[in-house]
Amino acid sequence: MECLVDLREIYPKEKGNTQLTDKLNDHKICRLCMQLIQGDFMLAHEVEADMLKKYIPEINFDVVKDPVVCKQCFDFLGVHSGFIRKCLEVEEKLITQKPSTISVRNSH
């Protein structure tokens, strides 16, 4: 039997306010930033799984009941993955070019 963690039970303990528990029933908590979600969110299984596993493998979404990602974290994740993807593309281009075609400026 699989035991899932409900972030709404952990959030009040982390914030040091156990009286919040009853007030959290209608709220979602972002799996990435661990903050209450005030607006839009994405279900974690709707987020590109490869992107999550590649860029933040240390976060296990499978152990959390109803894992969601807030819009701000989703946007930041998209920007981060886009940056990494572009860096990898440039790196691949540099690797595939012949050494004689790469000009190196000598500052001497």
N, C-alpha and C. Protein backbone atom coordinates (compact mmCIF):
# COMPACT_ATOMS: atom_id res chain seq x y z
N MET A 1 0.84 -1.19 0.00
CA MET A 1 0.00 0.00 0.00
C MET A 1 0.89 1.24 0.00
N GLU A 2 0.56 2.17 -0.86
CA GLU A 2 1.35 3.39 -1.01
C GLU A 2 0.83 4.47 -0.08
N CYS A 3 1.73 5.11 0.63
CA CYS A 3 1.37 6.18 1.55
C CYS A 3 1.72 7.52 0.91
N LEU A 4 0.71 8.35 0.70
CA LEU A 4 0.93 9.66 0.09
C LEU A 4 0.87 10.75 1.14
N VAL A 5 1.70 11.75 0.98
CA VAL A 5 1.77 12.88 1.89
C VAL A 5 0.82 13.97 1.41
N ASP A 6 0.05 14.52 2.32
CA ASP A 6 -0.81 15.65 2.00
C ASP A 6 -0.10 16.92 2.48
N LEU A 7 0.30 17.76 1.54
CA LEU A 7 1.05 18.97 1.90
C LEU A 7 0.26 19.91 2.80
N ARG A 8 -1.06 19.80 2.77
CA ARG A 8 -1.88 20.65 3.64
C ARG A 8 -1.70 20.28 5.11
N GLU A 9 -1.20 19.08 5.39
CA GLU A 9 -0.91 18.68 6.77
C GLU A 9 0.47 19.16 7.19
N ILE A 10 1.40 19.23 6.25
CA ILE A 10 2.78 19.63 6.54
C ILE A 10 2.93 21.14 6.61
N TYR A 11 2.23 21.86 5.75
CA TYR A 11 2.36 23.32 5.64
C TYR A 11 2.22 24.04 6.99
N PRO A 12 1.17 23.77 7.78
CA PRO A 12 1.04 24.49 9.06
C PRO A 12 2.20 24.20 10.03
N LYS A 13 2.71 22.98 10.01
CA LYS A 13 3.83 22.64 10.89
C LYS A 13 5.09 23.39 10.48
N GLU A 14 5.31 23.50 9.18
CA GLU A 14 6.47 24.25 8.67
C GLU A 14 6.35 25.73 8.99
N LYS A 15 5.15 26.25 8.96
CA LYS A 15 4.92 27.68 9.23
C LYS A 15 4.80 27.96 10.72
N GLY A 16 4.76 26.91 11.54
CA GLY A 16 4.65 27.09 12.98
C GLY A 16 3.28 27.53 13.44
N ASN A 17 2.25 27.24 12.65
CA ASN A 17 0.90 27.65 12.99
C ASN A 17 -0.05 26.48 12.72
N THR A 18 -0.21 25.61 13.71
CA THR A 18 -1.04 24.42 13.53
C THR A 18 -2.53 24.76 13.43
N GLN A 19 -2.92 25.98 13.73
CA GLN A 19 -4.32 26.39 13.61
C GLN A 19 -4.73 26.58 12.15
N LEU A 20 -3.76 26.61 11.25
CA LEU A 20 -4.05 26.77 9.82
C LEU A 20 -4.68 25.53 9.20
N THR A 21 -4.53 24.37 9.80
CA THR A 21 -4.94 23.10 9.22
C THR A 21 -6.38 23.14 8.71
N ASP A 22 -7.32 23.60 9.52
CA ASP A 22 -8.72 23.63 9.11
C ASP A 22 -8.98 24.60 7.96
N LYS A 23 -8.22 25.66 7.87
CA LYS A 23 -8.42 26.68 6.84
C LYS A 23 -7.85 26.27 5.48
N LEU A 24 -7.04 25.22 5.44
CA LEU A 24 -6.36 24.83 4.21
C LEU A 24 -7.13 23.85 3.34
N ASN A 25 -8.27 23.39 3.78
CA ASN A 25 -9.00 22.37 3.03
C ASN A 25 -9.33 22.78 1.60
N ASP A 26 -9.58 24.05 1.38
CA ASP A 26 -9.94 24.53 0.04
C ASP A 26 -8.75 25.08 -0.74
N HIS A 27 -7.55 24.96 -0.19
CA HIS A 27 -6.36 25.52 -0.84
C HIS A 27 -5.46 24.42 -1.38
N LYS A 28 -4.63 24.81 -2.31
CA LYS A 28 -3.59 23.92 -2.85
C LYS A 28 -2.24 24.48 -2.42
N ILE A 29 -1.25 23.60 -2.34
CA ILE A 29 0.10 24.01 -1.98
C ILE A 29 1.04 23.55 -3.09
N CYS A 30 1.84 24.47 -3.58
CA CYS A 30 2.76 24.19 -4.68
C CYS A 30 3.82 23.19 -4.22
N ARG A 31 4.04 22.17 -5.03
CA ARG A 31 5.03 21.15 -4.70
C ARG A 31 6.45 21.67 -4.81
N LEU A 32 6.67 22.71 -5.58
CA LEU A 32 8.02 23.25 -5.76
C LEU A 32 8.39 24.28 -4.71
N CYS A 33 7.56 25.29 -4.51
CA CYS A 33 7.91 26.37 -3.58
C CYS A 33 7.28 26.19 -2.20
N MET A 34 6.39 25.22 -2.06
CA MET A 34 5.72 24.91 -0.79
C MET A 34 4.97 26.12 -0.22
N GLN A 35 4.36 26.91 -1.11
CA GLN A 35 3.57 28.05 -0.69
C GLN A 35 2.11 27.83 -1.08
N LEU A 36 1.21 28.50 -0.35
CA LEU A 36 -0.20 28.44 -0.71
C LEU A 36 -0.40 29.03 -2.10
N ILE A 37 -1.21 28.38 -2.88
CA ILE A 37 -1.49 28.87 -4.23
C ILE A 37 -2.71 29.77 -4.18
N GLN A 38 -2.51 31.01 -4.58
CA GLN A 38 -3.58 32.00 -4.55
C GLN A 38 -4.31 32.10 -5.88
N GLY A 39 -3.64 31.69 -6.96
CA GLY A 39 -4.25 31.83 -8.29
C GLY A 39 -4.19 30.55 -9.08
N ASP A 40 -3.73 30.68 -10.30
CA ASP A 40 -3.68 29.55 -11.21
C ASP A 40 -2.61 28.55 -10.80
N PHE A 41 -2.85 27.30 -11.20
CA PHE A 41 -1.88 26.24 -10.94
C PHE A 41 -2.00 25.17 -12.02
N MET A 42 -1.01 24.32 -12.08
CA MET A 42 -1.00 23.19 -13.02
C MET A 42 -0.91 21.91 -12.21
N LEU A 43 -1.62 20.90 -12.63
CA LEU A 43 -1.44 19.59 -12.03
C LEU A 43 -0.07 19.09 -12.44
N ALA A 44 0.66 18.51 -11.51
CA ALA A 44 2.04 18.10 -11.78
C ALA A 44 2.11 17.11 -12.94
N HIS A 45 1.12 16.25 -13.08
CA HIS A 45 1.18 15.28 -14.18
C HIS A 45 0.91 15.92 -15.54
N GLU A 46 0.44 17.18 -15.56
CA GLU A 46 0.25 17.91 -16.81
C GLU A 46 1.51 18.66 -17.23
N VAL A 47 2.43 18.84 -16.29
CA VAL A 47 3.69 19.49 -16.59
C VAL A 47 4.58 18.48 -17.30
N GLU A 48 5.35 18.95 -18.24
CA GLU A 48 6.21 18.08 -19.02
C GLU A 48 7.09 17.23 -18.10
N ALA A 49 6.79 15.93 -18.02
CA ALA A 49 7.47 15.04 -17.08
C ALA A 49 8.97 14.98 -17.31
N ASP A 50 9.40 14.97 -18.56
CA ASP A 50 10.83 14.94 -18.85
C ASP A 50 11.53 16.18 -18.30
N MET A 51 10.86 17.31 -18.42
CA MET A 51 11.43 18.57 -17.94
C MET A 51 11.62 18.49 -16.42
N LEU A 52 10.64 17.98 -15.71
CA LEU A 52 10.74 17.89 -14.25
C LEU A 52 11.84 16.92 -13.84
N LYS A 53 11.87 15.76 -14.46
CA LYS A 53 12.87 14.75 -14.09
C LYS A 53 14.28 15.18 -14.46
N LYS A 54 14.41 15.92 -15.55
CA LYS A 54 15.73 16.33 -16.01
C LYS A 54 16.29 17.49 -15.18
N TYR A 55 15.46 18.49 -14.89
CA TYR A 55 15.96 19.70 -14.26
C TYR A 55 15.82 19.73 -12.74
N ILE A 56 14.89 18.97 -12.20
CA ILE A 56 14.76 18.90 -10.74
C ILE A 56 14.47 17.45 -10.32
N PRO A 57 15.43 16.56 -10.56
CA PRO A 57 15.21 15.14 -10.26
C PRO A 57 15.06 14.84 -8.76
N GLU A 58 15.52 15.74 -7.92
CA GLU A 58 15.45 15.50 -6.48
C GLU A 58 14.04 15.63 -5.92
N ILE A 59 13.12 16.19 -6.68
CA ILE A 59 11.74 16.34 -6.20
C ILE A 59 10.90 15.19 -6.74
N ASN A 60 10.37 14.41 -5.81
CA ASN A 60 9.54 13.26 -6.17
C ASN A 60 8.07 13.67 -6.08
N PHE A 61 7.41 13.74 -7.20
CA PHE A 61 6.00 14.13 -7.24
C PHE A 61 5.08 12.97 -6.89
N ASP A 62 5.60 11.76 -6.94
CA ASP A 62 4.78 10.57 -6.73
C ASP A 62 4.43 10.32 -5.27
N VAL A 63 5.09 10.99 -4.33
CA VAL A 63 4.82 10.75 -2.91
C VAL A 63 3.83 11.75 -2.32
N VAL A 64 3.38 12.70 -3.15
CA VAL A 64 2.49 13.75 -2.67
C VAL A 64 1.08 13.53 -3.21
N LYS A 65 0.13 13.67 -2.33
CA LYS A 65 -1.27 13.58 -2.71
C LYS A 65 -1.65 14.84 -3.48
N ASP A 66 -2.18 14.67 -4.68
CA ASP A 66 -2.64 15.80 -5.50
C ASP A 66 -1.54 16.84 -5.72
N PRO A 67 -0.38 16.44 -6.32
CA PRO A 67 0.71 17.41 -6.53
C PRO A 67 0.36 18.45 -7.59
N VAL A 68 0.59 19.71 -7.24
CA VAL A 68 0.33 20.82 -8.15
C VAL A 68 1.53 21.76 -8.16
N VAL A 69 1.62 22.56 -9.21
CA VAL A 69 2.69 23.55 -9.37
C VAL A 69 2.02 24.89 -9.61
N CYS A 70 2.40 25.91 -8.84
CA CYS A 70 1.80 27.23 -9.02
C CYS A 70 2.26 27.84 -10.35
N LYS A 71 1.53 28.82 -10.81
CA LYS A 71 1.83 29.45 -12.10
C LYS A 71 3.23 30.07 -12.10
N GLN A 72 3.61 30.71 -11.01
CA GLN A 72 4.92 31.36 -10.95
C GLN A 72 6.04 30.32 -11.06
N CYS A 73 5.94 29.22 -10.34
CA CYS A 73 6.97 28.16 -10.43
C CYS A 73 6.98 27.54 -11.82
N PHE A 74 5.79 27.34 -12.39
CA PHE A 74 5.70 26.78 -13.73
C PHE A 74 6.39 27.70 -14.74
N ASP A 75 6.14 29.00 -14.63
CA ASP A 75 6.79 29.97 -15.53
C ASP A 75 8.30 29.97 -15.34
N PHE A 76 8.76 29.98 -14.09
CA PHE A 76 10.20 29.94 -13.81
C PHE A 76 10.84 28.67 -14.34
N LEU A 77 10.13 27.55 -14.19
CA LEU A 77 10.63 26.28 -14.70
C LEU A 77 10.75 26.31 -16.22
N GLY A 78 9.78 26.94 -16.88
CA GLY A 78 9.84 27.08 -18.33
C GLY A 78 11.01 27.94 -18.79
N VAL A 79 11.24 29.04 -18.09
CA VAL A 79 12.37 29.92 -18.41
C VAL A 79 13.68 29.18 -18.19
N HIS A 80 13.79 28.49 -17.07
CA HIS A 80 15.00 27.74 -16.74
C HIS A 80 15.27 26.65 -17.77
N SER A 81 14.24 25.89 -18.10
CA SER A 81 14.44 24.79 -19.06
C SER A 81 14.77 25.33 -20.45
N GLY A 82 14.16 26.46 -20.82
CA GLY A 82 14.48 27.08 -22.11
C GLY A 82 15.93 27.53 -22.16
N PHE A 83 16.41 28.11 -21.08
CA PHE A 83 17.81 28.55 -20.99
C PHE A 83 18.75 27.35 -21.10
N ILE A 84 18.47 26.31 -20.34
CA ILE A 84 19.31 25.10 -20.36
C ILE A 84 19.28 24.48 -21.76
N ARG A 85 18.11 24.41 -22.37
CA ARG A 85 17.98 23.83 -23.71
C ARG A 85 18.84 24.60 -24.71
N LYS A 86 18.80 25.93 -24.66
CA LYS A 86 19.61 26.75 -25.58
C LYS A 86 21.10 26.55 -25.33
N CYS A 87 21.49 26.47 -24.06
CA CYS A 87 22.90 26.23 -23.73
C CYS A 87 23.36 24.89 -24.29
N LEU A 88 22.54 23.88 -24.15
CA LEU A 88 22.89 22.55 -24.66
C LEU A 88 22.98 22.55 -26.19
N GLU A 89 22.11 23.31 -26.85
CA GLU A 89 22.17 23.41 -28.31
C GLU A 89 23.47 24.06 -28.76
N VAL A 90 23.87 25.14 -28.09
CA VAL A 90 25.12 25.83 -28.42
C VAL A 90 26.30 24.89 -28.17
N GLU A 91 26.27 24.20 -27.05
CA GLU A 91 27.34 23.26 -26.73
C GLU A 91 27.44 22.17 -27.80
N GLU A 92 26.32 21.65 -28.23
CA GLU A 92 26.31 20.61 -29.26
C GLU A 92 26.87 21.15 -30.58
N LYS A 93 26.53 22.38 -30.94
CA LYS A 93 27.08 22.98 -32.15
C LYS A 93 28.59 23.13 -32.06
N LEU A 94 29.07 23.54 -30.91
CA LEU A 94 30.51 23.69 -30.72
C LEU A 94 31.23 22.35 -30.80
N ILE A 95 30.64 21.34 -30.24
CA ILE A 95 31.24 20.01 -30.26
C ILE A 95 31.28 19.42 -31.67
N THR A 96 30.23 19.66 -32.45
CA THR A 96 30.15 19.06 -33.78
C THR A 96 30.95 19.81 -34.83
N GLN A 97 31.34 21.05 -34.54
CA GLN A 97 32.17 21.79 -35.51
C GLN A 97 33.58 21.24 -35.50
N LYS A 98 34.19 21.29 -36.67
CA LYS A 98 35.59 20.86 -36.76
C LYS A 98 36.45 21.90 -36.06
N PRO A 99 37.50 21.46 -35.37
CA PRO A 99 38.37 22.42 -34.66
C PRO A 99 38.95 23.51 -35.56
N SER A 100 39.20 23.20 -36.81
CA SER A 100 39.79 24.20 -37.71
C SER A 100 38.80 25.31 -38.08
N THR A 101 37.50 25.06 -37.92
CA THR A 101 36.52 26.07 -38.28
C THR A 101 36.20 27.02 -37.11
N ILE A 102 36.67 26.68 -35.94
CA ILE A 102 36.43 27.54 -34.78
C ILE A 102 37.60 28.52 -34.67
N SER A 103 37.28 29.80 -34.75
CA SER A 103 38.35 30.78 -34.65
C SER A 103 38.47 31.22 -33.18
N VAL A 104 39.68 31.22 -32.72
CA VAL A 104 39.96 31.63 -31.35
C VAL A 104 40.75 32.92 -31.42
N ARG A 105 40.29 33.91 -30.72
CA ARG A 105 40.99 35.20 -30.71
C ARG A 105 42.08 35.13 -29.66
N ASN A 106 43.24 35.54 -30.07
CA ASN A 106 44.38 35.57 -29.16
C ASN A 106 44.55 37.00 -28.68
N SER A 107 44.54 37.19 -27.38
CA SER A 107 44.62 38.56 -26.84
C SER A 107 46.05 39.02 -26.61
N HIS A 108 47.02 38.30 -27.11
CA HIS A 108 48.42 38.68 -26.90
C HIS A 108 48.83 39.78 -27.84
